[in-house]
Amino acid sequence: MDLLLWAVLPYVALTVFVAGHVWRYRYDKFGWTTRSSQMYESRLLRVGSPLFHFGILVVILGHVGGLVIPKSWTEAMGVSEAAYHVTAVALGTVAGLCTLAGLAILVYRRRTVGPVFSATTRNDKLMYAVLTLTIVLGLAATVMANAVGGGYDYRATVSPWFRSIFALGPRPELMAGAPPLFRLHALSALVLFAIWPFTRLVHMLTAPVGYLTRPYIVYRSRDDVAGTRPARRGWAG
């Protein structure tokens, strides 16, 4: 079971993640969007969206730093284990709470605002459920291991396991010894990556570079005097 969960499942999830994005970009370009619902409701969105995006950005950066950068590297830079631990727990807890609060507002908005709820697909509902579960499990693992327990050094087990996947030499025994909440958090994250290409989360992998070369937007006047002024070209004021 450990071999299946921590050596086979990660590659299945990564394969679906990559192949799903390629498939959707080729065959569903018009669906590659967040399907913005700002026109239906903006008051809750103005609060929930920045809160969620700020929190999730810090969470992602924290995971990259904790999982990708080896413990020996931070120690070589003069960052002690105690300093790293306190900083990671403090920032991770604050960012996780911000993310969860923002997500709660967005889910509440999507459920209570009629037009927004009508535009919500089954994939969206599944994505919100898995995303919420992943965030809650991550926060629970942090609190139980550090605030309640005596602390847990995930950089000695979870991080090496994560890097071993991309090094094509998986070490499932490392995750087998991790606390249950950390393992559940990792499993929920793998499920999230597997469904990612088929949800609105694809917009996170898109940059609006087309804006740099797109043609000007033409506005036509409805005034009676339309056409009395000569047309200007380019950026002429």
C-alpha atoms as a PDB file:
ATOM      1  CA  MET A   1       0.000   0.000   0.000  1.00  0.00           C
ATOM      2  CA  ASP A   2       2.837   2.415   0.806  1.00  0.00           C
ATOM      3  CA  LEU A   3       4.377   1.685  -2.589  1.00  0.00           C
ATOM      4  CA  LEU A   4       1.057   2.361  -4.295  1.00  0.00           C
ATOM      5  CA  LEU A   5       0.333   5.582  -2.406  1.00  0.00           C
ATOM      6  CA  TRP A   6       3.769   7.164  -2.306  1.00  0.00           C
ATOM      7  CA  ALA A   7       5.521   5.799  -5.404  1.00  0.00           C
ATOM      8  CA  VAL A   8       2.792   5.083  -7.976  1.00  0.00           C
ATOM      9  CA  LEU A   9       0.030   7.580  -7.205  1.00  0.00           C
ATOM     10  CA  PRO A  10       2.307  10.665  -7.438  1.00  0.00           C
ATOM     11  CA  TYR A  11       3.289   9.760 -11.007  1.00  0.00           C
ATOM     12  CA  VAL A  12      -0.333   9.093 -11.931  1.00  0.00           C
ATOM     13  CA  ALA A  13      -1.343  12.505 -10.583  1.00  0.00           C
ATOM     14  CA  LEU A  14       1.554  14.278 -12.346  1.00  0.00           C
ATOM     15  CA  THR A  15       0.772  12.514 -15.626  1.00  0.00           C
ATOM     16  CA  VAL A  16      -2.885  13.538 -15.479  1.00  0.00           C
ATOM     17  CA  PHE A  17      -1.833  17.071 -14.485  1.00  0.00           C
ATOM     18  CA  VAL A  18       0.467  17.517 -17.499  1.00  0.00           C
ATOM     19  CA  ALA A  19      -1.562  15.568 -20.071  1.00  0.00           C
ATOM     20  CA  GLY A  20      -4.799  17.194 -18.903  1.00  0.00           C
ATOM     21  CA  HIS A  21      -3.425  20.690 -19.429  1.00  0.00           C
ATOM     22  CA  VAL A  22      -2.108  19.786 -22.894  1.00  0.00           C
ATOM     23  CA  TRP A  23      -5.456  18.261 -23.860  1.00  0.00           C
ATOM     24  CA  ARG A  24      -7.480  21.167 -22.572  1.00  0.00           C
ATOM     25  CA  TYR A  25      -5.260  23.772 -24.232  1.00  0.00           C
ATOM     26  CA  ARG A  26      -5.597  21.999 -27.563  1.00  0.00           C
ATOM     27  CA  TYR A  27      -9.287  21.208 -27.471  1.00  0.00           C
ATOM     28  CA  ASP A  28     -10.860  23.675 -25.004  1.00  0.00           C
ATOM     29  CA  LYS A  29      -9.075  27.000 -25.426  1.00  0.00           C
ATOM     30  CA  PHE A  30     -12.312  28.944 -25.017  1.00  0.00           C
ATOM     31  CA  GLY A  31     -12.889  27.182 -21.703  1.00  0.00           C
ATOM     32  CA  TRP A  32      -9.413  28.075 -20.423  1.00  0.00           C
ATOM     33  CA  THR A  33     -10.678  30.831 -18.179  1.00  0.00           C
ATOM     34  CA  THR A  34     -11.787  31.633 -14.650  1.00  0.00           C
ATOM     35  CA  ARG A  35     -15.301  32.337 -15.964  1.00  0.00           C
ATOM     36  CA  SER A  36     -15.339  35.574 -14.008  1.00  0.00           C
ATOM     37  CA  SER A  37     -18.585  36.329 -12.179  1.00  0.00           C
ATOM     38  CA  GLN A  38     -17.725  39.860 -11.077  1.00  0.00           C
ATOM     39  CA  MET A  39     -20.579  41.307 -13.114  1.00  0.00           C
ATOM     40  CA  TYR A  40     -23.056  39.374 -10.937  1.00  0.00           C
ATOM     41  CA  GLU A  41     -21.681  40.393  -7.533  1.00  0.00           C
ATOM     42  CA  SER A  42     -18.626  42.422  -6.509  1.00  0.00           C
ATOM     43  CA  ARG A  43     -18.977  43.321  -2.814  1.00  0.00           C
ATOM     44  CA  LEU A  44     -18.027  39.911  -1.416  1.00  0.00           C
ATOM     45  CA  LEU A  45     -15.604  39.318  -4.273  1.00  0.00           C
ATOM     46  CA  ARG A  46     -13.612  42.443  -3.385  1.00  0.00           C
ATOM     47  CA  VAL A  47     -12.958  40.970   0.066  1.00  0.00           C
ATOM     48  CA  GLY A  48     -12.712  37.246  -0.565  1.00  0.00           C
ATOM     49  CA  SER A  49     -10.635  37.221  -3.754  1.00  0.00           C
ATOM     50  CA  PRO A  50      -7.634  39.311  -2.539  1.00  0.00           C
ATOM     51  CA  LEU A  51      -7.654  37.498   0.797  1.00  0.00           C
ATOM     52  CA  PHE A  52      -7.627  34.106  -0.881  1.00  0.00           C
ATOM     53  CA  HIS A  53      -5.044  34.978  -3.542  1.00  0.00           C
ATOM     54  CA  PHE A  54      -2.680  36.633  -1.058  1.00  0.00           C
ATOM     55  CA  GLY A  55      -2.893  33.668   1.281  1.00  0.00           C
ATOM     56  CA  ILE A  56      -2.511  31.003  -1.401  1.00  0.00           C
ATOM     57  CA  LEU A  57       0.504  32.792  -2.907  1.00  0.00           C
ATOM     58  CA  VAL A  58       2.316  32.762   0.441  1.00  0.00           C
ATOM     59  CA  VAL A  59       1.278  29.131   0.992  1.00  0.00           C
ATOM     60  CA  ILE A  60       2.691  28.111  -2.402  1.00  0.00           C
ATOM     61  CA  LEU A  61       5.950  29.972  -1.801  1.00  0.00           C
ATOM     62  CA  GLY A  62       6.222  28.373   1.628  1.00  0.00           C
ATOM     63  CA  HIS A  63       5.697  24.901   0.204  1.00  0.00           C
ATOM     64  CA  VAL A  64       8.286  25.511  -2.510  1.00  0.00           C
ATOM     65  CA  GLY A  65      10.786  26.660   0.088  1.00  0.00           C
ATOM     66  CA  GLY A  66      10.051  23.825   2.492  1.00  0.00           C
ATOM     67  CA  LEU A  67       9.809  20.973  -0.010  1.00  0.00           C
ATOM     68  CA  VAL A  68      12.289  21.929  -2.717  1.00  0.00           C
ATOM     69  CA  ILE A  69      15.113  23.574  -0.758  1.00  0.00           C
ATOM     70  CA  PRO A  70      17.065  20.976   1.272  1.00  0.00           C
ATOM     71  CA  LYS A  71      17.576  21.504   4.972  1.00  0.00           C
ATOM     72  CA  SER A  72      21.353  21.578   4.486  1.00  0.00           C
ATOM     73  CA  TRP A  73      21.067  24.588   2.168  1.00  0.00           C
ATOM     74  CA  THR A  74      19.281  26.807   4.690  1.00  0.00           C
ATOM     75  CA  GLU A  75      21.729  25.762   7.391  1.00  0.00           C
ATOM     76  CA  ALA A  76      24.633  26.625   5.071  1.00  0.00           C
ATOM     77  CA  MET A  77      23.114  30.096   4.639  1.00  0.00           C
ATOM     78  CA  GLY A  78      23.193  30.577   8.398  1.00  0.00           C
ATOM     79  CA  VAL A  79      19.498  29.953   9.069  1.00  0.00           C
ATOM     80  CA  SER A  80      19.194  27.805  12.152  1.00  0.00           C
ATOM     81  CA  GLU A  81      16.579  25.075  12.404  1.00  0.00           C
ATOM     82  CA  ALA A  82      14.837  26.919  15.252  1.00  0.00           C
ATOM     83  CA  ALA A  83      14.639  30.182  13.280  1.00  0.00           C
ATOM     84  CA  TYR A  84      13.390  28.405  10.166  1.00  0.00           C
ATOM     85  CA  HIS A  85      10.819  26.463  12.177  1.00  0.00           C
ATOM     86  CA  VAL A  86       9.364  29.522  13.932  1.00  0.00           C
ATOM     87  CA  THR A  87       9.212  31.555  10.715  1.00  0.00           C
ATOM     88  CA  ALA A  88       7.667  28.733   8.706  1.00  0.00           C
ATOM     89  CA  VAL A  89       5.022  27.958  11.319  1.00  0.00           C
ATOM     90  CA  ALA A  90       4.091  31.620  11.861  1.00  0.00           C
ATOM     91  CA  LEU A  91       3.866  32.554   8.176  1.00  0.00           C
ATOM     92  CA  GLY A  92       2.254  29.253   7.261  1.00  0.00           C
ATOM     93  CA  THR A  93      -0.448  29.587   9.902  1.00  0.00           C
ATOM     94  CA  VAL A  94      -1.285  33.204   8.988  1.00  0.00           C
ATOM     95  CA  ALA A  95      -1.268  32.455   5.250  1.00  0.00           C
ATOM     96  CA  GLY A  96      -3.360  29.330   5.743  1.00  0.00           C
ATOM     97  CA  LEU A  97      -5.966  31.191   7.784  1.00  0.00           C
ATOM     98  CA  CYS A  98      -6.120  33.985   5.183  1.00  0.00           C
ATOM     99  CA  THR A  99      -6.547  31.433   2.424  1.00  0.00           C
ATOM    100  CA  LEU A 100      -9.250  29.568   4.317  1.00  0.00           C
ATOM    101  CA  ALA A 101     -11.103  32.778   5.209  1.00  0.00           C
ATOM    102  CA  GLY A 102     -10.977  34.028   1.633  1.00  0.00           C
ATOM    103  CA  LEU A 103     -12.113  30.658   0.319  1.00  0.00           C
ATOM    104  CA  ALA A 104     -15.001  30.586   2.804  1.00  0.00           C
ATOM    105  CA  ILE A 105     -16.178  34.003   1.559  1.00  0.00           C
ATOM    106  CA  LEU A 106     -15.922  32.908  -2.072  1.00  0.00           C
ATOM    107  CA  VAL A 107     -17.814  29.671  -1.439  1.00  0.00           C
ATOM    108  CA  TYR A 108     -20.491  31.546   0.539  1.00  0.00           C
ATOM    109  CA  ARG A 109     -20.813  34.040  -2.322  1.00  0.00           C
ATOM    110  CA  ARG A 110     -21.050  31.282  -4.900  1.00  0.00           C
ATOM    111  CA  ARG A 111     -23.734  29.478  -2.898  1.00  0.00           C
ATOM    112  CA  THR A 112     -25.913  32.451  -1.939  1.00  0.00           C
ATOM    113  CA  VAL A 113     -25.769  34.651  -5.060  1.00  0.00           C
ATOM    114  CA  GLY A 114     -28.204  33.149  -7.557  1.00  0.00           C
ATOM    115  CA  PRO A 115     -26.489  33.981 -10.880  1.00  0.00           C
ATOM    116  CA  VAL A 116     -23.087  32.969  -9.516  1.00  0.00           C
ATOM    117  CA  PHE A 117     -24.453  29.656  -8.243  1.00  0.00           C
ATOM    118  CA  SER A 118     -26.128  29.000 -11.600  1.00  0.00           C
ATOM    119  CA  ALA A 119     -22.753  29.435 -13.321  1.00  0.00           C
ATOM    120  CA  THR A 120     -21.095  26.916 -10.981  1.00  0.00           C
ATOM    121  CA  THR A 121     -20.308  23.573 -12.613  1.00  0.00           C
ATOM    122  CA  ARG A 122     -19.918  20.158 -11.003  1.00  0.00           C
ATOM    123  CA  ASN A 123     -16.179  20.386 -11.561  1.00  0.00           C
ATOM    124  CA  ASP A 124     -16.159  23.697  -9.671  1.00  0.00           C
ATOM    125  CA  LYS A 125     -17.949  22.130  -6.718  1.00  0.00           C
ATOM    126  CA  LEU A 126     -15.510  19.211  -6.654  1.00  0.00           C
ATOM    127  CA  MET A 127     -12.567  21.585  -6.909  1.00  0.00           C
ATOM    128  CA  TYR A 128     -13.790  23.739  -4.011  1.00  0.00           C
ATOM    129  CA  ALA A 129     -14.331  20.658  -1.856  1.00  0.00           C
ATOM    130  CA  VAL A 130     -10.875  19.171  -2.530  1.00  0.00           C
ATOM    131  CA  LEU A 131      -9.153  22.550  -2.211  1.00  0.00           C
ATOM    132  CA  THR A 132     -10.862  23.229   1.118  1.00  0.00           C
ATOM    133  CA  LEU A 133      -9.961  19.753   2.386  1.00  0.00           C
ATOM    134  CA  THR A 134      -6.318  20.217   1.382  1.00  0.00           C
ATOM    135  CA  ILE A 135      -6.041  23.588   3.142  1.00  0.00           C
ATOM    136  CA  VAL A 136      -7.796  22.363   6.290  1.00  0.00           C
ATOM    137  CA  LEU A 137      -5.578  19.281   6.498  1.00  0.00           C
ATOM    138  CA  GLY A 138      -2.476  21.417   6.021  1.00  0.00           C
ATOM    139  CA  LEU A 139      -3.496  23.783   8.803  1.00  0.00           C
ATOM    140  CA  ALA A 140      -4.465  20.877  11.059  1.00  0.00           C
ATOM    141  CA  ALA A 141      -1.115  19.196  10.478  1.00  0.00           C
ATOM    142  CA  THR A 142       0.698  22.436  11.349  1.00  0.00           C
ATOM    143  CA  VAL A 143      -1.313  23.042  14.512  1.00  0.00           C
ATOM    144  CA  MET A 144      -1.257  19.450  15.768  1.00  0.00           C
ATOM    145  CA  ALA A 145       2.454  18.974  15.103  1.00  0.00           C
ATOM    146  CA  ASN A 146       3.650  22.311  16.437  1.00  0.00           C
ATOM    147  CA  ALA A 147       1.093  24.036  18.658  1.00  0.00           C
ATOM    148  CA  VAL A 148      -0.227  20.876  20.335  1.00  0.00           C
ATOM    149  CA  GLY A 149       2.532  18.329  19.768  1.00  0.00           C
ATOM    150  CA  GLY A 150       6.219  18.690  20.342  1.00  0.00           C
ATOM    151  CA  GLY A 151       6.972  19.703  16.752  1.00  0.00           C
ATOM    152  CA  TYR A 152       7.669  17.667  13.642  1.00  0.00           C
ATOM    153  CA  ASP A 153      10.535  18.136  11.196  1.00  0.00           C
ATOM    154  CA  TYR A 154       8.856  17.418   7.866  1.00  0.00           C
ATOM    155  CA  ARG A 155      12.064  18.391   6.067  1.00  0.00           C
ATOM    156  CA  ALA A 156      13.564  15.108   7.237  1.00  0.00           C
ATOM    157  CA  THR A 157      10.818  12.942   5.698  1.00  0.00           C
ATOM    158  CA  VAL A 158       8.195  14.693   3.531  1.00  0.00           C
ATOM    159  CA  SER A 159      10.640  16.986   1.722  1.00  0.00           C
ATOM    160  CA  PRO A 160      13.131  14.255   0.719  1.00  0.00           C
ATOM    161  CA  TRP A 161      10.208  12.095  -0.442  1.00  0.00           C
ATOM    162  CA  PHE A 162       8.876  14.978  -2.562  1.00  0.00           C
ATOM    163  CA  ARG A 163      12.263  15.562  -4.193  1.00  0.00           C
ATOM    164  CA  SER A 164      12.758  11.837  -4.764  1.00  0.00           C
ATOM    165  CA  ILE A 165       9.641  11.777  -6.958  1.00  0.00           C
ATOM    166  CA  PHE A 166      11.138  14.289  -9.381  1.00  0.00           C
ATOM    167  CA  ALA A 167      14.540  12.611  -9.170  1.00  0.00           C
ATOM    168  CA  LEU A 168      12.818   9.429 -10.470  1.00  0.00           C
ATOM    169  CA  GLY A 169      13.909   7.521  -7.391  1.00  0.00           C
ATOM    170  CA  PRO A 170      10.811   7.511  -5.127  1.00  0.00           C
ATOM    171  CA  ARG A 171      11.365   6.688  -1.461  1.00  0.00           C
ATOM    172  CA  PRO A 172       7.911   5.684  -0.138  1.00  0.00           C
ATOM    173  CA  GLU A 173       9.337   4.592   3.208  1.00  0.00           C
ATOM    174  CA  LEU A 174       9.867   8.263   4.119  1.00  0.00           C
ATOM    175  CA  MET A 175       6.160   9.083   3.873  1.00  0.00           C
ATOM    176  CA  ALA A 176       5.192   5.831   5.550  1.00  0.00           C
ATOM    177  CA  GLY A 177       6.718   7.157   8.772  1.00  0.00           C
ATOM    178  CA  ALA A 178       5.137  10.615   8.608  1.00  0.00           C
ATOM    179  CA  PRO A 179       2.223  11.543  10.938  1.00  0.00           C
ATOM    180  CA  PRO A 180      -1.270  10.714   9.595  1.00  0.00           C
ATOM    181  CA  LEU A 181      -2.280  14.351   9.028  1.00  0.00           C
ATOM    182  CA  PHE A 182       0.776  14.983   6.866  1.00  0.00           C
ATOM    183  CA  ARG A 183       0.007  11.887   4.808  1.00  0.00           C
ATOM    184  CA  LEU A 184      -3.644  12.886   4.381  1.00  0.00           C
ATOM    185  CA  HIS A 185      -2.570  16.379   3.393  1.00  0.00           C
ATOM    186  CA  ALA A 186      -0.233  14.944   0.749  1.00  0.00           C
ATOM    187  CA  LEU A 187      -2.928  12.602  -0.594  1.00  0.00           C
ATOM    188  CA  SER A 188      -5.475  15.400  -0.888  1.00  0.00           C
ATOM    189  CA  ALA A 189      -2.878  17.524  -2.698  1.00  0.00           C
ATOM    190  CA  LEU A 190      -2.285  14.701  -5.200  1.00  0.00           C
ATOM    191  CA  VAL A 191      -6.038  14.493  -5.854  1.00  0.00           C
ATOM    192  CA  LEU A 192      -6.136  18.269  -6.310  1.00  0.00           C
ATOM    193  CA  PHE A 193      -3.344  18.124  -8.890  1.00  0.00           C
ATOM    194  CA  ALA A 194      -5.143  15.324 -10.733  1.00  0.00           C
ATOM    195  CA  ILE A 195      -8.394  17.305 -11.129  1.00  0.00           C
ATOM    196  CA  TRP A 196      -6.621  20.650 -11.647  1.00  0.00           C
ATOM    197  CA  PRO A 197      -6.631  20.662 -15.492  1.00  0.00           C
ATOM    198  CA  PHE A 198     -10.391  20.149 -15.622  1.00  0.00           C
ATOM    199  CA  THR A 199     -11.325  23.080 -13.371  1.00  0.00           C
ATOM    200  CA  ARG A 200     -11.040  26.859 -13.373  1.00  0.00           C
ATOM    201  CA  LEU A 201      -7.654  26.496 -11.651  1.00  0.00           C
ATOM    202  CA  VAL A 202      -6.034  26.328 -15.104  1.00  0.00           C
ATOM    203  CA  HIS A 203      -5.972  30.141 -15.117  1.00  0.00           C
ATOM    204  CA  MET A 204      -3.110  30.032 -12.603  1.00  0.00           C
ATOM    205  CA  LEU A 205      -0.821  28.727 -15.349  1.00  0.00           C
ATOM    206  CA  THR A 206      -1.690  31.496 -17.787  1.00  0.00           C
ATOM    207  CA  ALA A 207      -0.029  34.893 -18.143  1.00  0.00           C
ATOM    208  CA  PRO A 208      -1.780  37.633 -20.177  1.00  0.00           C
ATOM    209  CA  VAL A 209       1.195  38.098 -22.512  1.00  0.00           C
ATOM    210  CA  GLY A 210      -1.189  38.562 -25.427  1.00  0.00           C
ATOM    211  CA  TYR A 211      -2.113  41.957 -24.028  1.00  0.00           C
ATOM    212  CA  LEU A 212       1.287  43.257 -25.157  1.00  0.00           C
ATOM    213  CA  THR A 213       0.581  42.689 -28.852  1.00  0.00           C
ATOM    214  CA  ARG A 214      -3.206  42.761 -29.131  1.00  0.00           C
ATOM    215  CA  PRO A 215      -4.760  45.410 -31.415  1.00  0.00           C
ATOM    216  CA  TYR A 216      -6.340  48.535 -30.009  1.00  0.00           C
ATOM    217  CA  ILE A 217      -9.940  48.336 -28.819  1.00  0.00           C
ATOM    218  CA  VAL A 218     -12.175  50.501 -30.974  1.00  0.00           C
ATOM    219  CA  TYR A 219     -14.901  52.515 -29.249  1.00  0.00           C
ATOM    220  CA  ARG A 220     -17.612  54.047 -31.421  1.00  0.00           C
ATOM    221  CA  SER A 221     -19.547  57.071 -30.249  1.00  0.00           C
ATOM    222  CA  ARG A 222     -23.328  57.182 -30.143  1.00  0.00           C
ATOM    223  CA  ASP A 223     -23.349  61.013 -30.279  1.00  0.00           C
ATOM    224  CA  ASP A 224     -25.018  62.923 -33.094  1.00  0.00           C
ATOM    225  CA  VAL A 225     -21.698  64.560 -33.870  1.00  0.00           C
ATOM    226  CA  ALA A 226     -19.955  61.242 -34.442  1.00  0.00           C
ATOM    227  CA  GLY A 227     -17.547  61.401 -37.316  1.00  0.00           C
ATOM    228  CA  THR A 228     -16.959  65.166 -37.154  1.00  0.00           C
ATOM    229  CA  ARG A 229     -13.440  64.726 -35.739  1.00  0.00           C
ATOM    230  CA  PRO A 230     -10.607  63.182 -37.725  1.00  0.00           C
ATOM    231  CA  ALA A 231      -9.580  59.719 -36.625  1.00  0.00           C
ATOM    232  CA  ARG A 232      -6.351  59.402 -34.622  1.00  0.00           C
ATOM    233  CA  ARG A 233      -3.903  56.604 -35.004  1.00  0.00           C
ATOM    234  CA  GLY A 234      -2.017  54.615 -32.382  1.00  0.00           C
ATOM    235  CA  TRP A 235      -1.486  56.236 -29.011  1.00  0.00           C
ATOM    236  CA  ALA A 236      -2.257  59.787 -30.215  1.00  0.00           C
ATOM    237  CA  GLY A 237      -4.149  61.672 -27.549  1.00  0.00           C
END
